[in-house]
Each structure stands twice: as C-alpha cells, then as structure tokens.
C-alpha cells in the first residue's frame, strides 16, 4: 500500500493520501468487519433472548423495521 502523509506548517500530520485502489480495498475490509460485528451482536442477542434476559421481539415489529 502506497501511503503519503499530509502535514501542516508545524509538521503535524493532518491527513493521508492513498490510491483509489487502496481506498476501495480499505472500504471492503471495513464493510466486512461491520457485517461480522453486526452478526456477532445478533447472535449474542439471540442467546440472551433464549436465556430470558431480553424480550423476544414481536413478529410485526420485525417486519416494520
């Protein structure tokens, strides 16, 4: 990955420049992480529902979301 840093007049890094190809790959990785985090959260919620620690949603509420 080719990364260039941008800095202000005091030398403090203020930004990053990457190629479009690298940016698209970064976005794909972030979306995958977001998906798996959401999936993990859903599994945890299902476990809590089975244990009676979270109320089970009404089927109509599920379709309205």
N, C-alpha and C. Protein backbone atom coordinates (compact mmCIF):
# COMPACT_ATOMS: atom_id res chain seq x y z
N UNK A 1 0.85 -1.17 0.00
CA UNK A 1 0.00 0.00 0.00
C UNK A 1 0.90 1.23 0.00
N UNK A 2 0.64 2.12 -0.92
CA UNK A 2 1.40 3.36 -1.02
C UNK A 2 0.65 4.45 -0.26
N UNK A 3 1.24 4.94 0.82
CA UNK A 3 0.60 5.95 1.67
C UNK A 3 1.47 7.19 1.71
N UNK A 4 0.83 8.33 1.55
CA UNK A 4 1.53 9.61 1.69
C UNK A 4 0.82 10.38 2.80
N UNK A 5 1.62 11.00 3.66
CA UNK A 5 1.05 11.77 4.76
C UNK A 5 1.09 13.25 4.41
N UNK A 6 0.05 13.95 4.81
CA UNK A 6 -0.02 15.40 4.67
C UNK A 6 0.23 16.01 6.03
N UNK A 7 0.96 17.12 6.06
CA UNK A 7 1.23 17.76 7.35
C UNK A 7 1.05 19.26 7.23
N UNK A 8 0.83 19.89 8.37
CA UNK A 8 0.66 21.34 8.38
C UNK A 8 2.02 22.02 8.47
N UNK A 9 2.00 23.32 8.60
CA UNK A 9 3.25 24.10 8.62
C UNK A 9 4.13 23.79 9.83
N UNK A 10 3.53 23.21 10.88
CA UNK A 10 4.30 22.85 12.07
C UNK A 10 4.82 21.41 12.00
N UNK A 11 4.54 20.71 10.92
CA UNK A 11 4.99 19.35 10.77
C UNK A 11 4.06 18.29 11.35
N UNK A 12 2.92 18.71 11.87
CA UNK A 12 1.95 17.77 12.44
C UNK A 12 1.18 17.09 11.30
N UNK A 13 1.11 15.76 11.35
CA UNK A 13 0.38 15.03 10.32
C UNK A 13 -1.11 15.35 10.43
N UNK A 14 -1.69 15.73 9.32
CA UNK A 14 -3.09 16.14 9.31
C UNK A 14 -3.96 15.34 8.34
N UNK A 15 -3.33 14.50 7.52
CA UNK A 15 -4.10 13.73 6.56
C UNK A 15 -3.28 12.63 5.94
N UNK A 16 -3.97 11.81 5.17
CA UNK A 16 -3.34 10.68 4.50
C UNK A 16 -3.85 10.63 3.07
N UNK A 17 -2.95 10.32 2.16
CA UNK A 17 -3.31 10.17 0.76
C UNK A 17 -3.01 8.74 0.34
N UNK A 18 -4.03 8.04 -0.17
CA UNK A 18 -3.87 6.67 -0.65
C UNK A 18 -4.45 6.59 -2.06
N UNK A 19 -4.06 5.56 -2.80
CA UNK A 19 -4.60 5.39 -4.14
C UNK A 19 -6.07 4.98 -4.05
N UNK A 20 -6.80 5.19 -5.13
CA UNK A 20 -8.21 4.79 -5.19
C UNK A 20 -8.33 3.28 -4.97
N UNK A 21 -7.44 2.51 -5.57
CA UNK A 21 -7.49 1.06 -5.41
C UNK A 21 -7.33 0.66 -3.95
N UNK A 22 -6.37 1.30 -3.26
CA UNK A 22 -6.17 1.01 -1.84
C UNK A 22 -7.40 1.43 -1.03
N UNK A 23 -7.98 2.58 -1.37
CA UNK A 23 -9.15 3.08 -0.65
C UNK A 23 -10.33 2.11 -0.80
N UNK A 24 -10.52 1.59 -2.01
CA UNK A 24 -11.61 0.63 -2.23
C UNK A 24 -11.39 -0.64 -1.41
N UNK A 25 -10.15 -1.10 -1.33
CA UNK A 25 -9.84 -2.28 -0.52
C UNK A 25 -10.08 -2.00 0.96
N UNK A 26 -9.70 -0.83 1.43
CA UNK A 26 -9.96 -0.44 2.82
C UNK A 26 -11.45 -0.45 3.10
N UNK A 27 -12.24 0.12 2.17
CA UNK A 27 -13.69 0.16 2.36
C UNK A 27 -14.27 -1.25 2.42
N UNK A 28 -13.81 -2.16 1.55
CA UNK A 28 -14.30 -3.54 1.57
C UNK A 28 -14.02 -4.20 2.92
N UNK A 29 -12.81 -3.99 3.43
CA UNK A 29 -12.44 -4.59 4.73
C UNK A 29 -13.31 -4.03 5.85
N UNK A 30 -13.55 -2.72 5.82
CA UNK A 30 -14.39 -2.11 6.85
C UNK A 30 -15.82 -2.63 6.78
N UNK A 31 -16.34 -2.81 5.58
CA UNK A 31 -17.70 -3.35 5.44
C UNK A 31 -17.79 -4.78 5.95
N UNK A 32 -16.77 -5.60 5.66
CA UNK A 32 -16.75 -6.97 6.18
C UNK A 32 -16.72 -6.97 7.70
N UNK A 33 -15.86 -6.11 8.28
CA UNK A 33 -15.78 -6.04 9.74
C UNK A 33 -17.11 -5.60 10.33
N UNK A 34 -17.75 -4.62 9.70
CA UNK A 34 -19.04 -4.13 10.17
C UNK A 34 -20.08 -5.25 10.11
N UNK A 35 -20.08 -6.02 9.02
CA UNK A 35 -21.02 -7.13 8.87
C UNK A 35 -20.83 -8.17 9.97
N UNK A 36 -19.58 -8.58 10.20
CA UNK A 36 -19.32 -9.62 11.19
C UNK A 36 -19.59 -9.12 12.61
N UNK A 37 -19.34 -7.84 12.86
CA UNK A 37 -19.67 -7.28 14.18
C UNK A 37 -21.18 -7.30 14.40
N UNK A 38 -21.93 -6.96 13.35
CA UNK A 38 -23.39 -6.98 13.44
C UNK A 38 -23.90 -8.40 13.64
N UNK A 39 -23.32 -9.34 12.93
CA UNK A 39 -23.71 -10.74 13.06
C UNK A 39 -23.44 -11.25 14.47
N UNK A 40 -22.26 -10.91 15.00
CA UNK A 40 -21.90 -11.33 16.35
C UNK A 40 -22.87 -10.74 17.38
N UNK A 41 -23.23 -9.48 17.19
CA UNK A 41 -24.18 -8.83 18.10
C UNK A 41 -25.53 -9.53 18.04
N UNK A 42 -25.96 -9.90 16.84
CA UNK A 42 -27.24 -10.59 16.68
C UNK A 42 -27.23 -11.94 17.37
N UNK A 43 -26.14 -12.67 17.24
CA UNK A 43 -26.02 -13.97 17.91
C UNK A 43 -26.08 -13.80 19.42
N UNK A 44 -25.37 -12.80 19.93
CA UNK A 44 -25.39 -12.53 21.37
C UNK A 44 -26.81 -12.19 21.84
N UNK A 45 -27.54 -11.39 21.05
CA UNK A 45 -28.91 -11.03 21.41
C UNK A 45 -29.81 -12.26 21.42
N UNK A 46 -29.62 -13.15 20.45
CA UNK A 46 -30.42 -14.38 20.41
C UNK A 46 -30.16 -15.23 21.64
N UNK A 47 -28.91 -15.33 22.06
CA UNK A 47 -28.58 -16.09 23.27
C UNK A 47 -29.28 -15.49 24.48
N UNK A 48 -29.26 -14.17 24.59
CA UNK A 48 -29.92 -13.50 25.72
C UNK A 48 -31.42 -13.72 25.68
N UNK A 49 -32.01 -13.74 24.49
CA UNK A 49 -33.45 -13.99 24.36
C UNK A 49 -33.78 -15.41 24.83
N UNK A 50 -32.95 -16.38 24.43
CA UNK A 50 -33.18 -17.77 24.84
C UNK A 50 -33.07 -17.93 26.35
N UNK A 51 -32.19 -17.14 26.97
CA UNK A 51 -32.00 -17.19 28.42
C UNK A 51 -33.05 -16.38 29.16
N UNK A 52 -33.91 -15.68 28.42
CA UNK A 52 -34.95 -14.86 29.03
C UNK A 52 -34.45 -13.53 29.56
N UNK A 53 -33.26 -13.13 29.16
CA UNK A 53 -32.69 -11.88 29.64
C UNK A 53 -33.02 -10.70 28.73
N UNK A 54 -33.53 -10.99 27.56
CA UNK A 54 -34.00 -9.97 26.62
C UNK A 54 -35.37 -10.40 26.13
N UNK A 55 -36.29 -9.46 25.98
CA UNK A 55 -37.60 -9.85 25.46
C UNK A 55 -37.51 -10.22 23.98
N UNK A 56 -38.31 -11.20 23.58
CA UNK A 56 -38.35 -11.58 22.17
C UNK A 56 -39.19 -10.53 21.43
N UNK A 57 -38.73 -10.11 20.25
CA UNK A 57 -39.48 -9.08 19.52
C UNK A 57 -40.77 -9.65 18.94
N UNK A 58 -41.74 -8.79 18.82
CA UNK A 58 -42.99 -9.15 18.17
C UNK A 58 -42.72 -9.30 16.68
N UNK A 59 -43.30 -10.30 16.05
CA UNK A 59 -43.05 -10.57 14.63
C UNK A 59 -43.42 -9.37 13.77
N UNK A 60 -44.45 -8.63 14.15
CA UNK A 60 -44.86 -7.45 13.38
C UNK A 60 -43.80 -6.35 13.45
N UNK A 61 -43.12 -6.22 14.59
CA UNK A 61 -42.06 -5.24 14.73
C UNK A 61 -40.90 -5.57 13.81
N UNK A 62 -40.60 -6.85 13.67
CA UNK A 62 -39.50 -7.26 12.80
C UNK A 62 -39.76 -6.85 11.35
N UNK A 63 -41.00 -7.00 10.90
CA UNK A 63 -41.31 -6.65 9.52
C UNK A 63 -41.40 -5.15 9.31
N UNK A 64 -41.69 -4.40 10.37
CA UNK A 64 -41.77 -2.95 10.25
C UNK A 64 -40.39 -2.31 10.21
N UNK A 65 -39.38 -2.98 10.76
CA UNK A 65 -38.02 -2.43 10.73
C UNK A 65 -37.45 -2.69 9.38
